[in-house]
Amino acid sequence: NLFTGDFQLDGLNGLLHFGRSFSAFPSALKFHYQYSMKPIDRLGDNLPDFLANSKGQPDTCQVFIALTDNAEPTEIRNNPNNRQLFNRADPGIIAFAEFNSGQSTTGGYQEVTLPLVYRATHRTPKWIIVVASSSKYGDYYVGGVGSTMLLDELELVYE
């Protein structure tokens, strides 16, 4: 996993604070990636229904970007007994874009441009959040051992 923010341990689980101070208005996030997908073979505890039967399904890589004007960085807890995950419907999100793929790439790096969708153009961002993971559902301890994503040339695009 790769993200903008800070990581701490909460027992054996992660306590993350997503975001870095930011006040600009990019139009997109551009990057190059390679992905080697493995089938899901690890399932955590206290899974939501939509993940209960995911063993054997393709793992999925994910990259997302969010601009927020929340007072503080977004807190993420992946402890199954006290889980608090990123909420894309958070009213503090000014702009958002996401990329997901469950297929391995071939022939080297692939280029992706994620246009940001602005929900509010009259508010100024306070935080930029960029998250990349080779297992989209890693917050639930769900994924394929050996799924690997490589990233290069991440760039904020401005019009």
C-alpha atoms as a PDB file:
ATOM      1  CA  ASN A   1       0.000   0.000   0.000  1.00  0.00           C
ATOM      2  CA  LEU A   2       1.012   3.553  -0.672  1.00  0.00           C
ATOM      3  CA  PHE A   3      -0.799   6.605   0.662  1.00  0.00           C
ATOM      4  CA  THR A   4      -0.369  10.232   1.591  1.00  0.00           C
ATOM      5  CA  GLY A   5      -0.561  10.503   5.346  1.00  0.00           C
ATOM      6  CA  ASP A   6       0.697   8.859   8.510  1.00  0.00           C
ATOM      7  CA  PHE A   7       0.611   5.300   9.844  1.00  0.00           C
ATOM      8  CA  GLN A   8       0.594   4.067  13.430  1.00  0.00           C
ATOM      9  CA  LEU A   9      -0.065   0.700  15.000  1.00  0.00           C
ATOM     10  CA  ASP A  10      -3.250   0.166  16.982  1.00  0.00           C
ATOM     11  CA  GLY A  11      -2.321  -3.132  18.617  1.00  0.00           C
ATOM     12  CA  LEU A  12      -1.679  -5.363  15.597  1.00  0.00           C
ATOM     13  CA  ASN A  13      -3.891  -3.234  13.337  1.00  0.00           C
ATOM     14  CA  GLY A  14      -3.351  -0.022  11.450  1.00  0.00           C
ATOM     15  CA  LEU A  15      -4.375   3.481  12.455  1.00  0.00           C
ATOM     16  CA  LEU A  16      -3.943   5.744   9.444  1.00  0.00           C
ATOM     17  CA  HIS A  17      -4.439   9.438   8.882  1.00  0.00           C
ATOM     18  CA  PHE A  18      -5.023  10.029   5.163  1.00  0.00           C
ATOM     19  CA  GLY A  19      -3.992  13.379   3.729  1.00  0.00           C
ATOM     20  CA  ARG A  20      -1.296  15.987   3.320  1.00  0.00           C
ATOM     21  CA  SER A  21      -1.819  19.727   3.437  1.00  0.00           C
ATOM     22  CA  PHE A  22      -2.902  20.948  -0.014  1.00  0.00           C
ATOM     23  CA  SER A  23      -4.824  23.901  -1.479  1.00  0.00           C
ATOM     24  CA  ALA A  24      -4.694  23.638  -5.290  1.00  0.00           C
ATOM     25  CA  PHE A  25      -7.239  22.520  -7.906  1.00  0.00           C
ATOM     26  CA  PRO A  26      -5.778  19.830 -10.197  1.00  0.00           C
ATOM     27  CA  SER A  27      -7.962  18.468 -12.972  1.00  0.00           C
ATOM     28  CA  ALA A  28      -6.581  14.901 -12.946  1.00  0.00           C
ATOM     29  CA  LEU A  29      -4.097  12.413 -11.538  1.00  0.00           C
ATOM     30  CA  LYS A  30      -1.920  10.728 -14.166  1.00  0.00           C
ATOM     31  CA  PHE A  31       0.274   7.683 -13.502  1.00  0.00           C
ATOM     32  CA  HIS A  32       1.799   4.566 -15.025  1.00  0.00           C
ATOM     33  CA  TYR A  33       1.226   1.166 -13.454  1.00  0.00           C
ATOM     34  CA  GLN A  34       1.904  -2.532 -13.796  1.00  0.00           C
ATOM     35  CA  TYR A  35      -0.242  -5.093 -12.023  1.00  0.00           C
ATOM     36  CA  SER A  36       0.207  -8.796 -11.390  1.00  0.00           C
ATOM     37  CA  MET A  37      -3.109 -10.138 -10.088  1.00  0.00           C
ATOM     38  CA  LYS A  38      -3.405 -13.236  -7.919  1.00  0.00           C
ATOM     39  CA  PRO A  39      -6.709 -14.827  -6.885  1.00  0.00           C
ATOM     40  CA  ILE A  40      -7.980 -13.886  -3.433  1.00  0.00           C
ATOM     41  CA  ASP A  41      -6.760 -16.490  -0.958  1.00  0.00           C
ATOM     42  CA  ARG A  42      -6.822 -14.532   2.325  1.00  0.00           C
ATOM     43  CA  LEU A  43      -9.989 -13.508   4.113  1.00  0.00           C
ATOM     44  CA  GLY A  44     -10.023 -11.476   7.320  1.00  0.00           C
ATOM     45  CA  ASP A  45     -12.503 -11.531  10.187  1.00  0.00           C
ATOM     46  CA  ASN A  46     -15.896  -9.813  10.450  1.00  0.00           C
ATOM     47  CA  LEU A  47     -16.303  -9.446   6.686  1.00  0.00           C
ATOM     48  CA  PRO A  48     -19.205  -7.614   5.090  1.00  0.00           C
ATOM     49  CA  ASP A  49     -21.562  -9.809   3.074  1.00  0.00           C
ATOM     50  CA  PHE A  50     -20.185  -8.669  -0.295  1.00  0.00           C
ATOM     51  CA  LEU A  51     -16.753 -10.151   0.577  1.00  0.00           C
ATOM     52  CA  ALA A  52     -17.872 -13.347   2.321  1.00  0.00           C
ATOM     53  CA  ASN A  53     -17.594 -15.477  -0.860  1.00  0.00           C
ATOM     54  CA  SER A  54     -14.639 -13.709  -2.491  1.00  0.00           C
ATOM     55  CA  LYS A  55     -12.073 -16.515  -2.039  1.00  0.00           C
ATOM     56  CA  GLY A  56     -10.831 -17.563  -5.477  1.00  0.00           C
ATOM     57  CA  GLN A  57     -12.083 -14.365  -7.137  1.00  0.00           C
ATOM     58  CA  PRO A  58      -9.579 -12.030  -8.863  1.00  0.00           C
ATOM     59  CA  ASP A  59      -7.850  -9.583  -6.551  1.00  0.00           C
ATOM     60  CA  THR A  60      -8.278  -5.936  -7.563  1.00  0.00           C
ATOM     61  CA  CYS A  61      -5.766  -3.108  -7.512  1.00  0.00           C
ATOM     62  CA  GLN A  62      -6.961   0.399  -6.709  1.00  0.00           C
ATOM     63  CA  VAL A  63      -5.719   3.966  -6.981  1.00  0.00           C
ATOM     64  CA  PHE A  64      -7.827   6.876  -5.791  1.00  0.00           C
ATOM     65  CA  ILE A  65      -7.429  10.576  -5.162  1.00  0.00           C
ATOM     66  CA  ALA A  66      -9.582  12.837  -3.023  1.00  0.00           C
ATOM     67  CA  LEU A  67      -9.383  16.513  -2.149  1.00  0.00           C
ATOM     68  CA  THR A  68     -11.064  17.406   1.139  1.00  0.00           C
ATOM     69  CA  ASP A  69     -11.716  20.437   3.287  1.00  0.00           C
ATOM     70  CA  ASN A  70     -12.220  18.491   6.505  1.00  0.00           C
ATOM     71  CA  ALA A  71     -10.708  20.060   9.623  1.00  0.00           C
ATOM     72  CA  GLU A  72      -8.245  17.161  10.076  1.00  0.00           C
ATOM     73  CA  PRO A  73      -6.790  14.329   7.983  1.00  0.00           C
ATOM     74  CA  THR A  74      -9.198  11.422   7.458  1.00  0.00           C
ATOM     75  CA  GLU A  75      -8.784   8.740  10.152  1.00  0.00           C
ATOM     76  CA  ILE A  76      -8.821   5.103   9.024  1.00  0.00           C
ATOM     77  CA  ARG A  77      -8.954   2.133  11.421  1.00  0.00           C
ATOM     78  CA  ASN A  78      -8.752  -1.410  10.073  1.00  0.00           C
ATOM     79  CA  ASN A  79      -9.282  -3.223  13.382  1.00  0.00           C
ATOM     80  CA  PRO A  80     -12.156  -5.655  12.618  1.00  0.00           C
ATOM     81  CA  ASN A  81     -13.765  -4.775  15.978  1.00  0.00           C
ATOM     82  CA  ASN A  82     -13.522  -1.001  15.476  1.00  0.00           C
ATOM     83  CA  ARG A  83     -13.318  -0.569  11.693  1.00  0.00           C
ATOM     84  CA  GLN A  84     -13.556   2.915  10.203  1.00  0.00           C
ATOM     85  CA  LEU A  85     -12.804   3.066   6.478  1.00  0.00           C
ATOM     86  CA  PHE A  86     -12.604   5.797   3.861  1.00  0.00           C
ATOM     87  CA  ASN A  87     -16.074   7.074   2.993  1.00  0.00           C
ATOM     88  CA  ARG A  88     -16.294   8.388  -0.564  1.00  0.00           C
ATOM     89  CA  ALA A  89     -19.651   9.996   0.342  1.00  0.00           C
ATOM     90  CA  ASP A  90     -18.043  12.146   3.077  1.00  0.00           C
ATOM     91  CA  PRO A  91     -19.447  15.677   2.646  1.00  0.00           C
ATOM     92  CA  GLY A  92     -15.928  17.071   3.175  1.00  0.00           C
ATOM     93  CA  ILE A  93     -14.781  15.623  -0.142  1.00  0.00           C
ATOM     94  CA  ILE A  94     -14.476  18.370  -2.753  1.00  0.00           C
ATOM     95  CA  ALA A  95     -13.194  16.180  -5.624  1.00  0.00           C
ATOM     96  CA  PHE A  96     -12.703  12.452  -6.190  1.00  0.00           C
ATOM     97  CA  ALA A  97     -11.449   9.982  -8.822  1.00  0.00           C
ATOM     98  CA  GLU A  98     -10.805   6.244  -8.688  1.00  0.00           C
ATOM     99  CA  PHE A  99      -9.197   3.479 -10.753  1.00  0.00           C
ATOM    100  CA  ASN A 100      -9.716  -0.267 -10.191  1.00  0.00           C
ATOM    101  CA  SER A 101      -8.468  -3.253 -12.172  1.00  0.00           C
ATOM    102  CA  GLY A 102      -8.714  -6.984 -11.589  1.00  0.00           C
ATOM    103  CA  GLN A 103      -6.547  -7.897 -14.588  1.00  0.00           C
ATOM    104  CA  SER A 104      -2.799  -8.308 -14.835  1.00  0.00           C
ATOM    105  CA  THR A 105      -1.101  -5.939 -17.255  1.00  0.00           C
ATOM    106  CA  THR A 106       1.042  -7.169 -20.122  1.00  0.00           C
ATOM    107  CA  GLY A 107       3.699  -5.424 -22.146  1.00  0.00           C
ATOM    108  CA  GLY A 108       5.055  -3.073 -19.497  1.00  0.00           C
ATOM    109  CA  TYR A 109       3.592  -0.053 -17.807  1.00  0.00           C
ATOM    110  CA  GLN A 110       0.115   1.202 -18.726  1.00  0.00           C
ATOM    111  CA  GLU A 111      -0.773   4.895 -18.528  1.00  0.00           C
ATOM    112  CA  VAL A 112      -3.916   6.011 -16.682  1.00  0.00           C
ATOM    113  CA  THR A 113      -5.398   9.478 -16.360  1.00  0.00           C
ATOM    114  CA  LEU A 114      -8.046   9.909 -13.657  1.00  0.00           C
ATOM    115  CA  PRO A 115     -10.098  13.073 -14.209  1.00  0.00           C
ATOM    116  CA  LEU A 116     -11.168  14.543 -10.880  1.00  0.00           C
ATOM    117  CA  VAL A 117     -14.910  15.006 -10.475  1.00  0.00           C
ATOM    118  CA  TYR A 118     -15.495  18.166  -8.471  1.00  0.00           C
ATOM    119  CA  ARG A 119     -18.495  18.122  -6.148  1.00  0.00           C
ATOM    120  CA  ALA A 120     -17.899  21.653  -4.898  1.00  0.00           C
ATOM    121  CA  THR A 121     -16.064  24.349  -6.847  1.00  0.00           C
ATOM    122  CA  HIS A 122     -16.636  27.118  -4.302  1.00  0.00           C
ATOM    123  CA  ARG A 123     -14.569  25.431  -1.547  1.00  0.00           C
ATOM    124  CA  THR A 124     -10.769  25.265  -1.276  1.00  0.00           C
ATOM    125  CA  PRO A 125      -9.105  21.949  -0.456  1.00  0.00           C
ATOM    126  CA  LYS A 126      -7.176  21.561   2.786  1.00  0.00           C
ATOM    127  CA  TRP A 127      -5.961  17.978   2.178  1.00  0.00           C
ATOM    128  CA  ILE A 128      -4.932  15.772  -0.708  1.00  0.00           C
ATOM    129  CA  ILE A 129      -5.394  12.034  -0.324  1.00  0.00           C
ATOM    130  CA  VAL A 130      -3.780   9.609  -2.755  1.00  0.00           C
ATOM    131  CA  VAL A 131      -4.081   5.888  -2.031  1.00  0.00           C
ATOM    132  CA  ALA A 132      -2.740   2.959  -4.059  1.00  0.00           C
ATOM    133  CA  SER A 133      -3.095  -0.710  -3.181  1.00  0.00           C
ATOM    134  CA  SER A 134      -2.493  -4.026  -4.908  1.00  0.00           C
ATOM    135  CA  SER A 135      -5.498  -5.385  -2.944  1.00  0.00           C
ATOM    136  CA  LYS A 136      -8.498  -3.051  -2.905  1.00  0.00           C
ATOM    137  CA  TYR A 137     -10.014  -4.775   0.120  1.00  0.00           C
ATOM    138  CA  GLY A 138      -6.827  -4.923   2.173  1.00  0.00           C
ATOM    139  CA  ASP A 139      -8.575  -2.874   4.876  1.00  0.00           C
ATOM    140  CA  TYR A 140     -10.599  -6.032   5.521  1.00  0.00           C
ATOM    141  CA  TYR A 141      -7.464  -8.216   5.336  1.00  0.00           C
ATOM    142  CA  VAL A 142      -8.760  -9.630   2.043  1.00  0.00           C
ATOM    143  CA  GLY A 143      -6.452 -10.195  -0.926  1.00  0.00           C
ATOM    144  CA  GLY A 144      -4.322 -12.464  -3.030  1.00  0.00           C
ATOM    145  CA  VAL A 145      -0.881 -13.237  -1.667  1.00  0.00           C
ATOM    146  CA  GLY A 146       1.532 -12.134  -4.377  1.00  0.00           C
ATOM    147  CA  SER A 147      -0.693  -9.522  -6.025  1.00  0.00           C
ATOM    148  CA  THR A 148       1.751  -6.769  -6.941  1.00  0.00           C
ATOM    149  CA  MET A 149       1.267  -3.253  -8.286  1.00  0.00           C
ATOM    150  CA  LEU A 150       4.116  -1.031  -9.446  1.00  0.00           C
ATOM    151  CA  LEU A 151       3.558   2.717  -9.874  1.00  0.00           C
ATOM    152  CA  ASP A 152       5.670   5.294 -11.668  1.00  0.00           C
ATOM    153  CA  GLU A 153       5.440   8.900 -12.792  1.00  0.00           C
ATOM    154  CA  LEU A 154       2.518  10.033 -10.633  1.00  0.00           C
ATOM    155  CA  GLU A 155       1.585  13.533 -11.761  1.00  0.00           C
ATOM    156  CA  LEU A 156      -1.096  16.052 -10.913  1.00  0.00           C
ATOM    157  CA  VAL A 157      -2.510  17.533 -14.117  1.00  0.00           C
ATOM    158  CA  TYR A 158      -3.681  21.139 -14.261  1.00  0.00           C
ATOM    159  CA  GLU A 159      -5.695  22.795 -17.040  1.00  0.00           C
END
